[in-house]
Amino acid sequence: MPQLVDASAVDDAQVQDIVRTVPGVQSAHAIRSRRVGRVIYIEMHLIVEPTDTQTDHARTEAVEAALEAALGSTRTTIHVETSRDCGL
């Protein structure tokens, strides 16, 4: 039944807790998740400390790995924003 009403597959607070374990990641917002079979699809905006593209890319890969380790099979789409861009 949750799939029919498009309920989240993972609580947003749990995703927040996981992403904050990655150094340089401040938070996430606009989190959406859904389960298709055994796979959890997650989309989010990730707020990171301002650095460079290579570091930001490494952070997104670390977030993807942390989500996979905690939740099992996941496919994640991440939109990176720096805290400077968000006014934080």
Protein backbone atom coordinates (compact mmCIF):
# COMPACT_ATOMS: atom_id res chain seq x y z
CA MET A 1 0.00 0.00 0.00
CA PRO A 2 2.76 2.61 0.73
CA GLN A 3 3.89 2.36 -2.91
CA LEU A 4 0.43 3.26 -4.12
CA VAL A 5 0.37 6.51 -2.14
CA ASP A 6 4.01 7.32 -2.96
CA ALA A 7 5.16 7.15 0.67
CA SER A 8 8.84 7.73 1.44
CA ALA A 9 10.89 4.56 1.60
CA VAL A 10 13.30 6.07 4.15
CA ASP A 11 12.63 8.64 6.85
CA ASP A 12 14.25 12.00 6.01
CA ALA A 13 15.82 12.18 9.49
CA GLN A 14 17.56 8.85 8.88
CA VAL A 15 18.99 10.11 5.59
CA GLN A 16 20.15 13.30 7.37
CA ASP A 17 21.91 11.22 10.04
CA ILE A 18 23.69 9.14 7.40
CA VAL A 19 24.86 12.03 5.20
CA ARG A 20 26.19 13.99 8.18
CA THR A 21 28.69 11.20 8.86
CA VAL A 22 30.61 12.26 5.74
CA PRO A 23 33.25 14.94 6.47
CA GLY A 24 32.46 18.27 4.84
CA VAL A 25 28.75 17.53 4.50
CA GLN A 26 26.58 19.93 6.49
CA SER A 27 23.08 18.69 5.71
CA ALA A 28 20.60 17.62 3.08
CA HIS A 29 17.17 18.86 2.11
CA ALA A 30 14.48 18.22 -0.50
CA ILE A 31 14.94 14.51 0.25
CA ARG A 32 12.72 12.13 -1.70
CA SER A 33 12.89 8.35 -1.57
CA ARG A 34 10.93 5.45 -2.96
CA ARG A 35 11.39 1.72 -3.12
CA VAL A 36 11.15 -0.29 -6.31
CA GLY A 37 11.56 -3.96 -5.51
CA ARG A 38 14.69 -4.26 -3.39
CA VAL A 39 16.20 -0.97 -4.54
CA ILE A 40 15.71 2.35 -2.76
CA TYR A 41 15.88 5.42 -4.99
CA ILE A 42 16.90 8.62 -3.21
CA GLU A 43 17.10 12.17 -4.50
CA MET A 44 18.38 15.08 -2.41
CA HIS A 45 20.09 18.42 -2.31
CA LEU A 46 23.33 18.10 -0.37
CA ILE A 47 24.84 21.13 1.37
CA VAL A 48 28.63 20.97 1.63
CA GLU A 49 31.44 23.22 2.77
CA PRO A 50 32.73 25.22 -0.22
CA THR A 51 35.79 23.58 -1.78
CA ASP A 52 36.40 22.44 -5.33
CA THR A 53 34.64 20.21 -7.82
CA GLN A 54 36.91 17.22 -7.24
CA THR A 55 36.34 17.32 -3.47
CA ASP A 56 32.59 17.76 -3.90
CA HIS A 57 32.50 14.79 -6.26
CA ALA A 58 34.39 12.66 -3.72
CA ARG A 59 31.90 13.73 -1.03
CA THR A 60 28.92 12.68 -3.14
CA GLU A 61 30.54 9.28 -3.73
CA ALA A 62 31.13 8.95 0.03
CA VAL A 63 27.47 9.83 0.70
CA GLU A 64 26.33 7.25 -1.85
CA ALA A 65 28.55 4.61 -0.21
CA ALA A 66 27.30 5.50 3.28
CA LEU A 67 23.67 5.25 2.18
CA GLU A 68 24.33 1.90 0.51
CA ALA A 69 26.09 0.56 3.63
CA ALA A 70 23.25 1.66 5.90
CA LEU A 71 20.22 0.92 3.73
CA GLY A 72 21.24 -1.79 1.27
CA SER A 73 20.80 -1.42 -2.46
CA THR A 74 20.33 2.27 -3.29
CA ARG A 75 20.46 4.50 -6.35
CA THR A 76 21.05 8.11 -5.37
CA THR A 77 20.79 11.38 -7.27
CA ILE A 78 22.54 14.24 -5.48
CA HIS A 79 22.35 17.94 -6.28
CA VAL A 80 25.31 19.66 -4.60
CA GLU A 81 24.99 23.11 -3.08
CA THR A 82 27.66 24.87 -1.06
CA SER A 83 26.79 26.50 2.23
CA ARG A 84 27.95 29.79 0.66
CA ASP A 85 25.32 29.42 -2.09
CA CYS A 86 22.62 28.73 0.51
CA GLY A 87 23.55 31.67 2.69
CA LEU A 88 24.71 29.45 5.56
